[in-house]
Amino acid sequence: MADAAARAGGAYGCPVELVADWPEPGDLPLVAPRLTVGPLRDSLPDDYPLAQLRNPYDAALWPLATAGFFKVKSRAAAALAPLGIAIPEL
């Protein structure tokens, strides 16, 4: 966890603290690229502030990831084209 916190702080240019339990909701928001179903989501109190930050290409591709890699691969070029990202044919 310490390594991940150090890398996140460096990548986002902000201090990162490891916490043993959720702070009170008014103290800090949780910042995550996407908080999906699972233990982290289940442990988050219902009223806890959440900031979900995504890269535009993640936001374009995430909805395609519902039925495996090949569905994403076949639709990725069309989803990324509006962002000016071209995927070379393999």
PDB file of N, CA and C in Angstrom:
ATOM      1  N   MET A   1       0.815  -1.188   0.000  1.00  0.00           N
ATOM      2  CA  MET A   1       0.000   0.000   0.000  1.00  0.00           C
ATOM      3  C   MET A   1       0.861   1.255   0.000  1.00  0.00           C
ATOM      4  N   ALA A   2       1.962   1.227   0.744  1.00  0.00           N
ATOM      5  CA  ALA A   2       2.822   2.413   0.818  1.00  0.00           C
ATOM      6  C   ALA A   2       3.379   2.754  -0.560  1.00  0.00           C
ATOM      7  N   ASP A   3       3.759   1.729  -1.321  1.00  0.00           N
ATOM      8  CA  ASP A   3       4.290   1.965  -2.662  1.00  0.00           C
ATOM      9  C   ASP A   3       3.218   2.582  -3.556  1.00  0.00           C
ATOM     10  N   ALA A   4       2.009   2.047  -3.513  1.00  0.00           N
ATOM     11  CA  ALA A   4       0.916   2.584  -4.321  1.00  0.00           C
ATOM     12  C   ALA A   4       0.599   4.016  -3.923  1.00  0.00           C
ATOM     13  N   ALA A   5       0.614   4.315  -2.627  1.00  0.00           N
ATOM     14  CA  ALA A   5       0.344   5.674  -2.161  1.00  0.00           C
ATOM     15  C   ALA A   5       1.422   6.632  -2.643  1.00  0.00           C
ATOM     16  N   ALA A   6       2.676   6.207  -2.587  1.00  0.00           N
ATOM     17  CA  ALA A   6       3.767   7.074  -3.040  1.00  0.00           C
ATOM     18  C   ALA A   6       3.662   7.348  -4.538  1.00  0.00           C
ATOM     19  N   ARG A   7       3.346   6.314  -5.324  1.00  0.00           N
ATOM     20  CA  ARG A   7       3.206   6.510  -6.769  1.00  0.00           C
ATOM     21  C   ARG A   7       1.999   7.384  -7.097  1.00  0.00           C
ATOM     22  N   ALA A   8       0.893   7.204  -6.389  1.00  0.00           N
ATOM     23  CA  ALA A   8      -0.301   8.023  -6.635  1.00  0.00           C
ATOM     24  C   ALA A   8      -0.021   9.477  -6.294  1.00  0.00           C
ATOM     25  N   GLY A   9       0.646   9.716  -5.176  1.00  0.00           N
ATOM     26  CA  GLY A   9       0.984  11.089  -4.809  1.00  0.00           C
ATOM     27  C   GLY A   9       1.872  11.748  -5.839  1.00  0.00           C
ATOM     28  N   GLY A  10       2.839  10.995  -6.371  1.00  0.00           N
ATOM     29  CA  GLY A  10       3.709  11.532  -7.407  1.00  0.00           C
ATOM     30  C   GLY A  10       2.977  11.790  -8.706  1.00  0.00           C
ATOM     31  N   ALA A  11       2.104  10.874  -9.080  1.00  0.00           N
ATOM     32  CA  ALA A  11       1.367  11.014 -10.337  1.00  0.00           C
ATOM     33  C   ALA A  11       0.381  12.172 -10.299  1.00  0.00           C
ATOM     34  N   TYR A  12      -0.273  12.369  -9.153  1.00  0.00           N
ATOM     35  CA  TYR A  12      -1.297  13.408  -9.050  1.00  0.00           C
ATOM     36  C   TYR A  12      -0.798  14.687  -8.400  1.00  0.00           C
ATOM     37  N   GLY A  13       0.462  14.681  -7.940  1.00  0.00           N
ATOM     38  CA  GLY A  13       1.037  15.887  -7.359  1.00  0.00           C
ATOM     39  C   GLY A  13       0.333  16.338  -6.094  1.00  0.00           C
ATOM     40  N   CYS A  14      -0.009  15.379  -5.240  1.00  0.00           N
ATOM     41  CA  CYS A  14      -0.697  15.736  -4.010  1.00  0.00           C
ATOM     42  C   CYS A  14      -0.267  14.794  -2.892  1.00  0.00           C
ATOM     43  N   PRO A  15      -0.444  15.210  -1.659  1.00  0.00           N
ATOM     44  CA  PRO A  15      -0.106  14.304  -0.558  1.00  0.00           C
ATOM     45  C   PRO A  15      -1.116  13.161  -0.470  1.00  0.00           C
ATOM     46  N   VAL A  16      -0.636  11.998  -0.089  1.00  0.00           N
ATOM     47  CA  VAL A  16      -1.483  10.820   0.066  1.00  0.00           C
ATOM     48  C   VAL A  16      -1.242  10.250   1.449  1.00  0.00           C
ATOM     49  N   GLU A  17      -2.317   9.991   2.174  1.00  0.00           N
ATOM     50  CA  GLU A  17      -2.219   9.392   3.501  1.00  0.00           C
ATOM     51  C   GLU A  17      -2.899   8.038   3.491  1.00  0.00           C
ATOM     52  N   LEU A  18      -2.273   7.063   4.127  1.00  0.00           N
ATOM     53  CA  LEU A  18      -2.921   5.773   4.316  1.00  0.00           C
ATOM     54  C   LEU A  18      -3.772   5.862   5.573  1.00  0.00           C
ATOM     55  N   VAL A  19      -4.986   5.365   5.479  1.00  0.00           N
ATOM     56  CA  VAL A  19      -5.885   5.411   6.627  1.00  0.00           C
ATOM     57  C   VAL A  19      -6.334   3.997   6.977  1.00  0.00           C
ATOM     58  N   ALA A  20      -6.524   3.734   8.241  1.00  0.00           N
ATOM     59  CA  ALA A  20      -6.948   2.407   8.687  1.00  0.00           C
ATOM     60  C   ALA A  20      -8.451   2.217   8.522  1.00  0.00           C
ATOM     61  N   ASP A  21      -9.209   3.297   8.553  1.00  0.00           N
ATOM     62  CA  ASP A  21     -10.658   3.223   8.427  1.00  0.00           C
ATOM     63  C   ASP A  21     -11.105   4.471   7.677  1.00  0.00           C
ATOM     64  N   TRP A  22     -12.352   4.483   7.229  1.00  0.00           N
ATOM     65  CA  TRP A  22     -12.852   5.646   6.506  1.00  0.00           C
ATOM     66  C   TRP A  22     -12.894   6.853   7.427  1.00  0.00           C
ATOM     67  N   PRO A  23     -12.347   7.998   6.992  1.00  0.00           N
ATOM     68  CA  PRO A  23     -12.511   9.231   7.769  1.00  0.00           C
ATOM     69  C   PRO A  23     -13.986   9.645   7.776  1.00  0.00           C
ATOM     70  N   GLU A  24     -14.313  10.603   8.595  1.00  0.00           N
ATOM     71  CA  GLU A  24     -15.682  11.126   8.595  1.00  0.00           C
ATOM     72  C   GLU A  24     -15.972  11.734   7.223  1.00  0.00           C
ATOM     73  N   PRO A  25     -17.215  11.651   6.735  1.00  0.00           N
ATOM     74  CA  PRO A  25     -17.529  12.118   5.386  1.00  0.00           C
ATOM     75  C   PRO A  25     -17.114  13.548   5.067  1.00  0.00           C
ATOM     76  N   GLY A  26     -17.080  14.431   6.028  1.00  0.00           N
ATOM     77  CA  GLY A  26     -16.699  15.810   5.746  1.00  0.00           C
ATOM     78  C   GLY A  26     -15.207  16.036   5.654  1.00  0.00           C
ATOM     79  N   ASP A  27     -14.399  15.046   6.036  1.00  0.00           N
ATOM     80  CA  ASP A  27     -12.951  15.226   6.078  1.00  0.00           C
ATOM     81  C   ASP A  27     -12.296  15.140   4.708  1.00  0.00           C
ATOM     82  N   LEU A  28     -12.493  14.053   4.003  1.00  0.00           N
ATOM     83  CA  LEU A  28     -11.832  13.807   2.722  1.00  0.00           C
ATOM     84  C   LEU A  28     -12.782  13.110   1.765  1.00  0.00           C
ATOM     85  N   PRO A  29     -12.742  13.463   0.479  1.00  0.00           N
ATOM     86  CA  PRO A  29     -13.467  12.637  -0.483  1.00  0.00           C
ATOM     87  C   PRO A  29     -12.589  11.453  -0.880  1.00  0.00           C
ATOM     88  N   LEU A  30     -13.198  10.384  -1.310  1.00  0.00           N
ATOM     89  CA  LEU A  30     -12.460   9.275  -1.897  1.00  0.00           C
ATOM     90  C   LEU A  30     -12.296   9.602  -3.366  1.00  0.00           C
ATOM     91  N   VAL A  31     -11.080   9.531  -3.866  1.00  0.00           N
ATOM     92  CA  VAL A  31     -10.799   9.787  -5.273  1.00  0.00           C
ATOM     93  C   VAL A  31     -10.405   8.465  -5.911  1.00  0.00           C
ATOM     94  N   ALA A  32     -11.122   8.075  -6.946  1.00  0.00           N
ATOM     95  CA  ALA A  32     -10.867   6.805  -7.617  1.00  0.00           C
ATOM     96  C   ALA A  32     -11.188   6.954  -9.097  1.00  0.00           C
ATOM     97  N   PRO A  33     -10.504   6.184  -9.956  1.00  0.00           N
ATOM     98  CA  PRO A  33     -10.835   6.254 -11.377  1.00  0.00           C
ATOM     99  C   PRO A  33     -12.231   5.712 -11.663  1.00  0.00           C
ATOM    100  N   ARG A  34     -12.580   4.628 -11.024  1.00  0.00           N
ATOM    101  CA  ARG A  34     -13.929   4.061 -11.159  1.00  0.00           C
ATOM    102  C   ARG A  34     -14.110   3.113  -9.990  1.00  0.00           C
ATOM    103  N   LEU A  35     -15.132   3.312  -9.227  1.00  0.00           N
ATOM    104  CA  LEU A  35     -15.384   2.468  -8.072  1.00  0.00           C
ATOM    105  C   LEU A  35     -16.470   1.473  -8.437  1.00  0.00           C
ATOM    106  N   THR A  36     -16.054   0.251  -8.712  1.00  0.00           N
ATOM    107  CA  THR A  36     -16.990  -0.770  -9.175  1.00  0.00           C
ATOM    108  C   THR A  36     -17.527  -1.579  -8.011  1.00  0.00           C
ATOM    109  N   VAL A  37     -18.321  -2.563  -8.310  1.00  0.00           N
ATOM    110  CA  VAL A  37     -18.883  -3.453  -7.310  1.00  0.00           C
ATOM    111  C   VAL A  37     -17.751  -4.255  -6.679  1.00  0.00           C
ATOM    112  N   GLY A  38     -17.802  -4.407  -5.371  1.00  0.00           N
ATOM    113  CA  GLY A  38     -16.783  -5.199  -4.696  1.00  0.00           C
ATOM    114  C   GLY A  38     -16.543  -4.730  -3.282  1.00  0.00           C
ATOM    115  N   PRO A  39     -15.482  -5.235  -2.652  1.00  0.00           N
ATOM    116  CA  PRO A  39     -15.230  -4.943  -1.240  1.00  0.00           C
ATOM    117  C   PRO A  39     -15.035  -3.456  -0.939  1.00  0.00           C
ATOM    118  N   LEU A  40     -14.340  -2.728  -1.817  1.00  0.00           N
ATOM    119  CA  LEU A  40     -14.132  -1.304  -1.557  1.00  0.00           C
ATOM    120  C   LEU A  40     -15.458  -0.557  -1.595  1.00  0.00           C
ATOM    121  N   ARG A  41     -16.263  -0.805  -2.605  1.00  0.00           N
ATOM    122  CA  ARG A  41     -17.580  -0.159  -2.714  1.00  0.00           C
ATOM    123  C   ARG A  41     -18.451  -0.540  -1.517  1.00  0.00           C
ATOM    124  N   ASP A  42     -18.419  -1.812  -1.139  1.00  0.00           N
ATOM    125  CA  ASP A  42     -19.236  -2.281  -0.013  1.00  0.00           C
ATOM    126  C   ASP A  42     -18.821  -1.645   1.307  1.00  0.00           C
ATOM    127  N   SER A  43     -17.538  -1.312   1.459  1.00  0.00           N
ATOM    128  CA  SER A  43     -17.059  -0.748   2.723  1.00  0.00           C
ATOM    129  C   SER A  43     -17.286   0.760   2.817  1.00  0.00           C
ATOM    130  N   LEU A  44     -17.623   1.393   1.709  1.00  0.00           N
ATOM    131  CA  LEU A  44     -17.815   2.843   1.685  1.00  0.00           C
ATOM    132  C   LEU A  44     -19.195   3.198   2.230  1.00  0.00           C
ATOM    133  N   PRO A  45     -19.258   4.068   3.245  1.00  0.00           N
ATOM    134  CA  PRO A  45     -20.579   4.491   3.741  1.00  0.00           C
ATOM    135  C   PRO A  45     -21.405   5.136   2.629  1.00  0.00           C
ATOM    136  N   ASP A  46     -22.724   4.984   2.681  1.00  0.00           N
ATOM    137  CA  ASP A  46     -23.610   5.480   1.621  1.00  0.00           C
ATOM    138  C   ASP A  46     -23.467   6.971   1.348  1.00  0.00           C
ATOM    139  N   ASP A  47     -23.236   7.767   2.378  1.00  0.00           N
ATOM    140  CA  ASP A  47     -23.189   9.221   2.199  1.00  0.00           C
ATOM    141  C   ASP A  47     -21.767   9.745   2.009  1.00  0.00           C
ATOM    142  N   TYR A  48     -20.802   8.878   1.761  1.00  0.00           N
ATOM    143  CA  TYR A  48     -19.405   9.297   1.667  1.00  0.00           C
ATOM    144  C   TYR A  48     -19.153  10.009   0.348  1.00  0.00           C
ATOM    145  N   PRO A  49     -18.465  11.172   0.359  1.00  0.00           N
ATOM    146  CA  PRO A  49     -18.193  11.892  -0.889  1.00  0.00           C
ATOM    147  C   PRO A  49     -17.206  11.117  -1.764  1.00  0.00           C
ATOM    148  N   LEU A  50     -17.531  11.017  -3.025  1.00  0.00           N
ATOM    149  CA  LEU A  50     -16.731  10.245  -3.961  1.00  0.00           C
ATOM    150  C   LEU A  50     -16.445  11.085  -5.195  1.00  0.00           C
ATOM    151  N   ALA A  51     -15.185  11.209  -5.537  1.00  0.00           N
ATOM    152  CA  ALA A  51     -14.783  11.901  -6.762  1.00  0.00           C
ATOM    153  C   ALA A  51     -14.211  10.851  -7.706  1.00  0.00           C
ATOM    154  N   GLN A  52     -14.921  10.585  -8.793  1.00  0.00           N
ATOM    155  CA  GLN A  52     -14.440   9.616  -9.769  1.00  0.00           C
ATOM    156  C   GLN A  52     -13.824  10.365 -10.941  1.00  0.00           C
ATOM    157  N   LEU A  53     -12.512  10.235 -11.063  1.00  0.00           N
ATOM    158  CA  LEU A  53     -11.768  10.912 -12.116  1.00  0.00           C
ATOM    159  C   LEU A  53     -11.346   9.885 -13.150  1.00  0.00           C
ATOM    160  N   ARG A  54     -11.691  10.133 -14.391  1.00  0.00           N
ATOM    161  CA  ARG A  54     -11.342   9.202 -15.465  1.00  0.00           C
ATOM    162  C   ARG A  54     -10.685   9.938 -16.614  1.00  0.00           C
ATOM    163  N   ASN A  55      -9.761   9.268 -17.259  1.00  0.00           N
ATOM    164  CA  ASN A  55      -9.226   9.782 -18.511  1.00  0.00           C
ATOM    165  C   ASN A  55     -10.330   9.671 -19.556  1.00  0.00           C
ATOM    166  N   PRO A  56     -10.341  10.585 -20.532  1.00  0.00           N
ATOM    167  CA  PRO A  56     -11.387  10.503 -21.557  1.00  0.00           C
ATOM    168  C   PRO A  56     -11.414   9.157 -22.281  1.00  0.00           C
ATOM    169  N   TYR A  57     -10.244   8.553 -22.520  1.00  0.00           N
ATOM    170  CA  TYR A  57     -10.243   7.276 -23.225  1.00  0.00           C
ATOM    171  C   TYR A  57     -10.787   6.153 -22.348  1.00  0.00           C
ATOM    172  N   ASP A  58     -10.576   6.240 -21.028  1.00  0.00           N
ATOM    173  CA  ASP A  58     -11.180   5.248 -20.138  1.00  0.00           C
ATOM    174  C   ASP A  58     -12.707   5.379 -20.162  1.00  0.00           C
ATOM    175  N   ALA A  59     -13.192   6.617 -20.127  1.00  0.00           N
ATOM    176  CA  ALA A  59     -14.634   6.844 -20.157  1.00  0.00           C
ATOM    177  C   ALA A  59     -15.250   6.339 -21.461  1.00  0.00           C
ATOM    178  N   ALA A  60     -14.515   6.438 -22.564  1.00  0.00           N
ATOM    179  CA  ALA A  60     -15.029   5.973 -23.854  1.00  0.00           C
ATOM    180  C   ALA A  60     -15.040   4.452 -23.944  1.00  0.00           C
ATOM    181  N   LEU A  61     -14.040   3.791 -23.345  1.00  0.00           N
ATOM    182  CA  LEU A  61     -13.912   2.345 -23.484  1.00  0.00           C
ATOM    183  C   LEU A  61     -14.637   1.546 -22.405  1.00  0.00           C
ATOM    184  N   TRP A  62     -14.775   2.105 -21.207  1.00  0.00           N
ATOM    185  CA  TRP A  62     -15.348   1.346 -20.090  1.00  0.00           C
ATOM    186  C   TRP A  62     -16.727   0.761 -20.409  1.00  0.00           C
ATOM    187  N   PRO A  63     -17.634   1.510 -21.005  1.00  0.00           N
ATOM    188  CA  PRO A  63     -18.958   0.936 -21.286  1.00  0.00           C
ATOM    189  C   PRO A  63     -18.921  -0.254 -22.253  1.00  0.00           C
ATOM    190  N   LEU A  64     -17.845  -0.387 -23.016  1.00  0.00           N
ATOM    191  CA  LEU A  64     -17.743  -1.504 -23.954  1.00  0.00           C
ATOM    192  C   LEU A  64     -17.320  -2.800 -23.269  1.00  0.00           C
ATOM    193  N   ALA A  65     -16.757  -2.699 -22.089  1.00  0.00           N
ATOM    194  CA  ALA A  65     -16.179  -3.861 -21.403  1.00  0.00           C
ATOM    195  C   ALA A  65     -17.252  -4.615 -20.615  1.00  0.00           C
ATOM    196  N   THR A  66     -18.181  -5.209 -21.336  1.00  0.00           N
ATOM    197  CA  THR A  66     -19.255  -5.950 -20.675  1.00  0.00           C
ATOM    198  C   THR A  66     -19.250  -7.433 -21.005  1.00  0.00           C
ATOM    199  N   ALA A  67     -18.548  -7.821 -22.057  1.00  0.00           N
ATOM    200  CA  ALA A  67     -18.619  -9.221 -22.474  1.00  0.00           C
ATOM    201  C   ALA A  67     -17.287  -9.732 -23.012  1.00  0.00           C
ATOM    202  N   GLY A  68     -16.187  -9.266 -22.462  1.00  0.00           N
ATOM    203  CA  GLY A  68     -14.896  -9.798 -22.868  1.00  0.00           C
ATOM    204  C   GLY A  68     -14.100  -8.876 -23.765  1.00  0.00           C
ATOM    205  N   PHE A  69     -12.847  -9.251 -23.956  1.00  0.00           N
ATOM    206  CA  PHE A  69     -11.889  -8.439 -24.680  1.00  0.00           C
ATOM    207  C   PHE A  69     -12.270  -8.194 -26.131  1.00  0.00           C
ATOM    208  N   PHE A  70     -12.759  -9.205 -26.831  1.00  0.00           N
ATOM    209  CA  PHE A  70     -12.966  -9.056 -28.263  1.00  0.00           C
ATOM    210  C   PHE A  70     -14.079  -8.066 -28.593  1.00  0.00           C
ATOM    211  N   LYS A  71     -15.052  -7.918 -27.715  1.00  0.00           N
ATOM    212  CA  LYS A  71     -16.087  -6.905 -27.930  1.00  0.00           C
ATOM    213  C   LYS A  71     -15.464  -5.510 -27.830  1.00  0.00           C
ATOM    214  N   VAL A  72     -14.595  -5.322 -26.860  1.00  0.00           N
ATOM    215  CA  VAL A  72     -13.914  -4.032 -26.714  1.00  0.00           C
ATOM    216  C   VAL A  72     -13.037  -3.784 -27.934  1.00  0.00           C
ATOM    217  N   LYS A  73     -12.247  -4.771 -28.296  1.00  0.00           N
ATOM    218  CA  LYS A  73     -11.323  -4.612 -29.425  1.00  0.00           C
ATOM    219  C   LYS A  73     -12.065  -4.234 -30.707  1.00  0.00           C
ATOM    220  N   SER A  74     -13.196  -4.862 -30.959  1.00  0.00           N
ATOM    221  CA  SER A  74     -13.914  -4.597 -32.208  1.00  0.00           C
ATOM    222  C   SER A  74     -14.549  -3.209 -32.241  1.00  0.00           C
ATOM    223  N   ARG A  75     -14.790  -2.616 -31.090  1.00  0.00           N
ATOM    224  CA  ARG A  75     -15.467  -1.312 -31.045  1.00  0.00           C
ATOM    225  C   ARG A  75     -14.564  -0.169 -30.583  1.00  0.00           C
ATOM    226  N   ALA A  76     -13.329  -0.473 -30.194  1.00  0.00           N
ATOM    227  CA  ALA A  76     -12.446   0.539 -29.611  1.00  0.00           C
ATOM    228  C   ALA A  76     -12.129   1.674 -30.579  1.00  0.00           C
ATOM    229  N   ALA A  77     -11.838   1.344 -31.835  1.00  0.00           N
ATOM    230  CA  ALA A  77     -11.471   2.388 -32.796  1.00  0.00           C
ATOM    231  C   ALA A  77     -12.580   3.428 -32.949  1.00  0.00           C
ATOM    232  N   ALA A  78     -13.823   2.961 -33.057  1.00  0.00           N
ATOM    233  CA  ALA A  78     -14.951   3.894 -33.203  1.00  0.00           C
ATOM    234  C   ALA A  78     -15.159   4.718 -31.938  1.00  0.00           C
ATOM    235  N   ALA A  79     -14.935   4.111 -30.770  1.00  0.00           N
ATOM    236  CA  ALA A  79     -15.140   4.830 -29.512  1.00  0.00           C
ATOM    237  C   ALA A  79     -14.065   5.881 -29.282  1.00  0.00           C
ATOM    238  N   LEU A  80     -12.846   5.618 -29.755  1.00  0.00           N
ATOM    239  CA  LEU A  80     -11.738   6.538 -29.513  1.00  0.00           C
ATOM    240  C   LEU A  80     -11.568   7.585 -30.616  1.00  0.00           C
ATOM    241  N   ALA A  81     -12.149   7.363 -31.772  1.00  0.00           N
ATOM    242  CA  ALA A  81     -12.007   8.307 -32.886  1.00  0.00           C
ATOM    243  C   ALA A  81     -12.426   9.733 -32.528  1.00  0.00           C
ATOM    244  N   PRO A  82     -13.552   9.952 -31.806  1.00  0.00           N
ATOM    245  CA  PRO A  82     -13.919  11.326 -31.454  1.00  0.00           C
ATOM    246  C   PRO A  82     -12.881  12.029 -30.570  1.00  0.00           C
ATOM    247  N   LEU A  83     -12.019  11.255 -29.932  1.00  0.00           N
ATOM    248  CA  LEU A  83     -10.973  11.839 -29.095  1.00  0.00           C
ATOM    249  C   LEU A  83      -9.688  12.087 -29.877  1.00  0.00           C
ATOM    250  N   GLY A  84      -9.699  11.742 -31.149  1.00  0.00           N
ATOM    251  CA  GLY A  84      -8.512  11.926 -31.982  1.00  0.00           C
ATOM    252  C   GLY A  84      -7.478  10.834 -31.768  1.00  0.00           C
ATOM    253  N   ILE A  85      -7.895   9.703 -31.226  1.00  0.00           N
ATOM    254  CA  ILE A  85      -6.987   8.582 -30.974  1.00  0.00           C
ATOM    255  C   ILE A  85      -7.246   7.528 -32.045  1.00  0.00           C
ATOM    256  N   ALA A  86      -6.220   7.216 -32.820  1.00  0.00           N
ATOM    257  CA  ALA A  86      -6.342   6.205 -33.861  1.00  0.00           C
ATOM    258  C   ALA A  86      -5.669   4.926 -33.400  1.00  0.00           C
ATOM    259  N   ILE A  87      -6.332   3.817 -33.614  1.00  0.00           N
ATOM    260  CA  ILE A  87      -5.778   2.502 -33.266  1.00  0.00           C
ATOM    261  C   ILE A  87      -5.336   1.844 -34.560  1.00  0.00           C
ATOM    262  N   PRO A  88      -4.075   1.490 -34.661  1.00  0.00           N
ATOM    263  CA  PRO A  88      -3.623   0.823 -35.887  1.00  0.00           C
ATOM    264  C   PRO A  88      -4.210  -0.584 -36.003  1.00  0.00           C
ATOM    265  N   GLU A  89      -4.479  -0.977 -37.218  1.00  0.00           N
ATOM    266  CA  GLU A  89      -4.960  -2.336 -37.462  1.00  0.00           C
ATOM    267  C   GLU A  89      -3.816  -3.304 -37.221  1.00  0.00           C
ATOM    268  N   LEU A  90      -4.124  -4.411 -36.580  1.00  0.00           N
ATOM    269  CA  LEU A  90      -3.083  -5.425 -36.332  1.00  0.00           C
ATOM    270  C   LEU A  90      -3.238  -6.585 -37.279  1.00  0.00           C
TER     271      LEU A  90
END
